[in-house]
Amino acid sequence: MAVHPARERLAADQATLDEQVDQLTQVQAERRERLIRR
């Protein structure tokens, strides 16, 4: 059974979004640590 192209694109977009969220979470954690150290 072939996967619908639109569904495939959605899955790829979701993976990209998940990656971006991970990066943002990491950046926020680093900023928080820097603020706490001051």
Protein backbone atom coordinates (compact mmCIF):
# COMPACT_ATOMS: atom_id res chain seq x y z
CA MET A 1 0.00 0.00 0.00
CA ALA A 2 1.46 3.32 -1.14
CA VAL A 3 1.71 6.20 1.30
CA HIS A 4 -0.17 9.32 0.22
CA PRO A 5 2.34 12.04 -0.83
CA ALA A 6 0.60 14.67 1.29
CA ARG A 7 0.77 12.39 4.30
CA GLU A 8 4.46 11.77 3.65
CA ARG A 9 5.03 15.53 3.47
CA LEU A 10 3.16 16.03 6.75
CA ALA A 11 5.33 13.42 8.45
CA ALA A 12 8.48 15.16 7.19
CA ASP A 13 7.17 18.55 8.34
CA GLN A 14 6.36 17.10 11.76
CA ALA A 15 9.89 15.69 12.06
CA THR A 16 11.32 19.12 11.18
CA LEU A 17 9.07 20.82 13.73
CA ASP A 18 10.08 18.32 16.41
CA GLU A 19 13.74 19.08 15.67
CA GLN A 20 13.14 22.83 15.91
CA VAL A 21 11.30 22.43 19.21
CA ASP A 22 14.20 20.36 20.59
CA GLN A 23 16.67 23.08 19.57
CA LEU A 24 14.53 25.84 21.11
CA THR A 25 14.16 23.88 24.34
CA GLN A 26 17.93 23.44 24.48
CA VAL A 27 18.54 27.16 23.83
CA GLN A 28 16.06 28.14 26.55
CA ALA A 29 17.70 25.75 29.03
CA GLU A 30 21.13 27.25 28.27
CA ARG A 31 19.80 30.79 28.74
CA ARG A 32 18.17 29.84 32.02
CA GLU A 33 21.45 28.34 33.27
CA ARG A 34 23.34 31.51 32.32
CA LEU A 35 20.82 33.67 34.18
CA ILE A 36 21.02 31.47 37.28
CA ARG A 37 24.85 31.62 37.30
CA ARG A 38 24.90 35.43 37.50
